[in-house]
């Protein structure tokens, strides 16, 4: 872990694009009224009407293949690769596609909702070189996940939407029922001036 960065020691302030550099618990679903209410979540992101449908979900196949190769497609902002679709930004998950896949999708939905609300900023790319910029869609290439618990990913991380067949097999312990814990890494470009 980048301990000095997390403690904000010996880091230039120009490299702290949005002020969130330390270890934060920035979101708690218990305090979000949209997390357990799809209708309320729809009113906070009305574009869901255009992208939460079977045709848009079928387009996510391309993002699934690209994400598994390590390069999520930013043009398909409503997709989370092989994990599913991002919309609606709520905690309701159809499924039973596996604890690892479902928890990864829900974590990605939280990131997307934070970006949509202006609480998380884009911190990579030429436009965000010296300061973070508000991005209403999730910049998928900005984040990587590492599973910490119950069986940690010790030698790698994975991009948003990467197939759980490449990193998530045998990551749960049967019959114990422990929920996954992730470290979410954010790419942060900074300028030297």
Protein backbone atom coordinates (compact mmCIF):
# COMPACT_ATOMS: atom_id res chain seq x y z
CA UNK A 1 0.00 0.00 0.00
CA UNK A 2 1.23 3.56 -0.70
CA UNK A 3 1.38 4.47 2.99
CA UNK A 4 2.98 7.91 2.57
CA UNK A 5 0.34 8.90 0.03
CA UNK A 6 -2.48 7.70 2.28
CA UNK A 7 -1.06 9.68 5.19
CA UNK A 8 -0.60 12.71 2.90
CA UNK A 9 3.10 12.93 3.74
CA UNK A 10 5.75 14.14 1.28
CA UNK A 11 3.19 14.55 -1.51
CA UNK A 12 2.88 17.73 -3.55
CA UNK A 13 -0.55 19.31 -3.25
CA UNK A 14 -0.74 19.55 -7.06
CA UNK A 15 -0.83 15.75 -7.01
CA UNK A 16 -3.90 15.76 -4.79
CA UNK A 17 -6.41 16.45 -7.52
CA UNK A 18 -9.64 16.41 -5.53
CA UNK A 19 -8.52 16.39 -1.92
CA UNK A 20 -9.36 12.71 -1.40
CA UNK A 21 -6.01 11.01 -1.15
CA UNK A 22 -6.19 9.12 2.09
CA UNK A 23 -7.97 5.95 3.11
CA UNK A 24 -11.61 6.97 3.13
CA UNK A 25 -14.94 5.35 3.69
CA UNK A 26 -16.71 7.84 1.49
CA UNK A 27 -20.03 6.12 0.97
CA UNK A 28 -22.45 4.33 3.28
CA UNK A 29 -25.49 2.78 1.60
CA UNK A 30 -27.48 3.05 4.83
CA UNK A 31 -27.53 6.83 4.41
CA UNK A 32 -28.45 6.82 0.71
CA UNK A 33 -32.23 6.79 0.13
CA UNK A 34 -31.75 5.73 -3.51
CA UNK A 35 -29.77 2.58 -2.70
CA UNK A 36 -32.77 0.37 -1.91
CA UNK A 37 -35.31 2.16 -4.09
CA UNK A 38 -35.06 1.73 -7.87
CA UNK A 39 -37.72 4.34 -8.60
CA UNK A 40 -35.99 7.02 -6.56
CA UNK A 41 -32.66 6.05 -8.14
CA UNK A 42 -34.24 6.49 -11.58
CA UNK A 43 -35.16 10.10 -10.82
CA UNK A 44 -31.56 10.91 -9.89
CA UNK A 45 -30.31 9.42 -13.19
CA UNK A 46 -33.00 9.69 -15.86
CA UNK A 47 -30.61 8.46 -18.56
CA UNK A 48 -31.33 5.00 -17.17
CA UNK A 49 -34.45 4.95 -19.37
CA UNK A 50 -32.22 4.97 -22.46
CA UNK A 51 -29.65 2.40 -21.34
CA UNK A 52 -31.41 0.01 -18.95
CA UNK A 53 -32.93 -2.23 -21.59
CA UNK A 54 -32.08 -5.54 -23.32
CA UNK A 55 -30.59 -3.90 -26.44
CA UNK A 56 -28.19 -1.77 -24.41
CA UNK A 57 -27.36 -4.79 -22.26
CA UNK A 58 -26.48 -6.76 -25.40
CA UNK A 59 -24.01 -4.04 -26.36
CA UNK A 60 -22.20 -4.74 -23.09
CA UNK A 61 -20.82 -7.93 -24.63
CA UNK A 62 -18.14 -5.88 -26.38
CA UNK A 63 -17.24 -4.22 -23.07
CA UNK A 64 -17.06 -7.63 -21.38
CA UNK A 65 -14.54 -8.90 -23.93
CA UNK A 66 -12.52 -5.68 -23.83
CA UNK A 67 -12.53 -5.52 -20.02
CA UNK A 68 -11.34 -9.10 -19.75
CA UNK A 69 -8.43 -8.06 -21.96
CA UNK A 70 -7.73 -5.24 -19.47
CA UNK A 71 -9.16 -2.33 -21.48
CA UNK A 72 -12.74 -1.33 -20.54
CA UNK A 73 -14.58 0.69 -23.19
CA UNK A 74 -15.33 4.21 -21.96
CA UNK A 75 -17.87 4.75 -24.75
CA UNK A 76 -20.16 2.13 -23.19
CA UNK A 77 -20.58 4.08 -19.96
CA UNK A 78 -23.63 2.04 -18.90
CA UNK A 79 -21.72 -1.25 -18.90
CA UNK A 80 -19.62 -2.90 -16.23
CA UNK A 81 -18.02 -5.45 -18.54
CA UNK A 82 -18.79 -9.07 -17.72
CA UNK A 83 -20.36 -8.05 -14.39
CA UNK A 84 -23.50 -6.58 -16.01
CA UNK A 85 -25.04 -3.16 -16.48
CA UNK A 86 -24.54 -0.21 -14.15
CA UNK A 87 -28.11 1.09 -14.26
CA UNK A 88 -30.05 1.61 -12.08
CA UNK A 89 -27.62 2.99 -9.49
CA UNK A 90 -29.21 1.05 -6.67
CA UNK A 91 -28.35 -1.94 -4.54
CA UNK A 92 -30.97 -4.20 -6.08
CA UNK A 93 -29.27 -6.99 -7.95
CA UNK A 94 -31.01 -9.61 -10.04
CA UNK A 95 -29.20 -12.58 -9.77
CA UNK A 96 -27.27 -15.09 -7.97
CA UNK A 97 -24.41 -14.97 -10.45
CA UNK A 98 -21.92 -15.40 -7.64
CA UNK A 99 -20.93 -13.40 -4.60
CA UNK A 100 -17.72 -12.10 -6.18
CA UNK A 101 -19.36 -10.94 -9.41
CA UNK A 102 -22.38 -9.40 -7.69
CA UNK A 103 -20.32 -7.56 -5.07
CA UNK A 104 -17.98 -6.24 -7.77
CA UNK A 105 -20.96 -4.92 -9.74
CA UNK A 106 -22.44 -3.25 -6.67
CA UNK A 107 -19.09 -1.62 -5.84
CA UNK A 108 -18.90 -0.31 -9.39
CA UNK A 109 -22.45 1.04 -9.15
CA UNK A 110 -21.44 2.98 -6.04
CA UNK A 111 -18.49 4.52 -7.93
CA UNK A 112 -20.76 5.39 -10.87
CA UNK A 113 -23.34 6.98 -8.56
CA UNK A 114 -20.65 9.03 -6.80
CA UNK A 115 -19.39 10.31 -10.17
CA UNK A 116 -22.93 11.10 -11.31
CA UNK A 117 -23.53 13.15 -8.15
CA UNK A 118 -20.20 15.00 -8.42
CA UNK A 119 -18.77 13.40 -5.27
CA UNK A 120 -16.02 11.51 -7.10
CA UNK A 121 -13.91 13.25 -9.72
CA UNK A 122 -11.96 12.22 -12.77
CA UNK A 123 -8.28 12.28 -11.84
CA UNK A 124 -6.65 10.81 -14.94
CA UNK A 125 -6.06 12.06 -18.44
CA UNK A 126 -4.80 15.32 -19.89
CA UNK A 127 -7.83 17.35 -18.76
CA UNK A 128 -7.32 16.22 -15.15
CA UNK A 129 -3.55 16.62 -15.05
CA UNK A 130 -3.25 19.40 -12.47
CA UNK A 131 -6.63 19.17 -10.82
CA UNK A 132 -9.56 16.81 -10.79
CA UNK A 133 -12.55 17.45 -13.03
CA UNK A 134 -16.15 16.47 -12.52
CA UNK A 135 -17.14 13.56 -14.73
CA UNK A 136 -20.83 12.57 -14.70
CA UNK A 137 -20.02 9.15 -16.15
CA UNK A 138 -17.72 6.59 -14.58
CA UNK A 139 -14.17 6.69 -16.01
CA UNK A 140 -13.74 2.91 -15.88
CA UNK A 141 -10.03 2.92 -16.70
CA UNK A 142 -9.35 5.14 -13.68
CA UNK A 143 -10.11 2.35 -11.18
CA UNK A 144 -8.79 -1.10 -10.36
CA UNK A 145 -10.01 -3.48 -7.69
CA UNK A 146 -8.11 -5.85 -5.41
CA UNK A 147 -9.99 -8.43 -3.36
CA UNK A 148 -8.77 -8.43 0.25
CA UNK A 149 -11.13 -10.87 1.95
CA UNK A 150 -12.02 -13.77 2.27
CA UNK A 151 -9.26 -15.06 -0.06
CA UNK A 152 -7.06 -12.14 -1.13
CA UNK A 153 -5.71 -11.32 -4.57
CA UNK A 154 -2.08 -11.12 -3.54
CA UNK A 155 -0.19 -10.52 -6.76
CA UNK A 156 -2.50 -8.50 -9.00
CA UNK A 157 -5.53 -6.28 -9.36
CA UNK A 158 -8.30 -6.29 -11.93
CA UNK A 159 -10.09 -3.68 -14.00
CA UNK A 160 -13.80 -2.91 -13.85
CA UNK A 161 -15.72 -5.61 -15.69
CA UNK A 162 -12.92 -8.15 -15.99
CA UNK A 163 -14.33 -11.66 -16.04
CA UNK A 164 -14.30 -13.36 -12.66
CA UNK A 165 -13.00 -16.45 -14.46
CA UNK A 166 -9.60 -14.73 -14.70
CA UNK A 167 -9.32 -13.55 -11.09
CA UNK A 168 -12.29 -14.62 -8.96
CA UNK A 169 -12.23 -18.41 -8.94
CA UNK A 170 -11.89 -20.00 -5.48
CA UNK A 171 -12.03 -16.58 -3.76
CA UNK A 172 -14.84 -17.52 -1.40
CA UNK A 173 -14.95 -20.06 1.39
CA UNK A 174 -18.04 -22.28 1.12
CA UNK A 175 -20.58 -22.37 3.99
CA UNK A 176 -19.00 -19.52 5.95
CA UNK A 177 -20.89 -16.70 4.25
CA UNK A 178 -18.27 -13.96 4.52
CA UNK A 179 -18.78 -10.87 2.41
CA UNK A 180 -15.98 -9.72 0.09
CA UNK A 181 -13.87 -6.69 0.96
CA UNK A 182 -12.12 -4.77 -1.82
CA UNK A 183 -9.43 -2.15 -2.06
CA UNK A 184 -10.36 0.21 -4.88
CA UNK A 185 -7.32 1.83 -6.50
CA UNK A 186 -7.75 5.14 -8.31
CA UNK A 187 -5.32 6.37 -10.96
CA UNK A 188 -4.22 9.90 -10.17
CA UNK A 189 -2.29 11.94 -12.75
CA UNK A 190 -0.43 14.90 -11.34
CA UNK A 191 1.56 17.70 -12.87
CA UNK A 192 5.01 18.86 -11.91
CA UNK A 193 5.19 22.60 -12.17
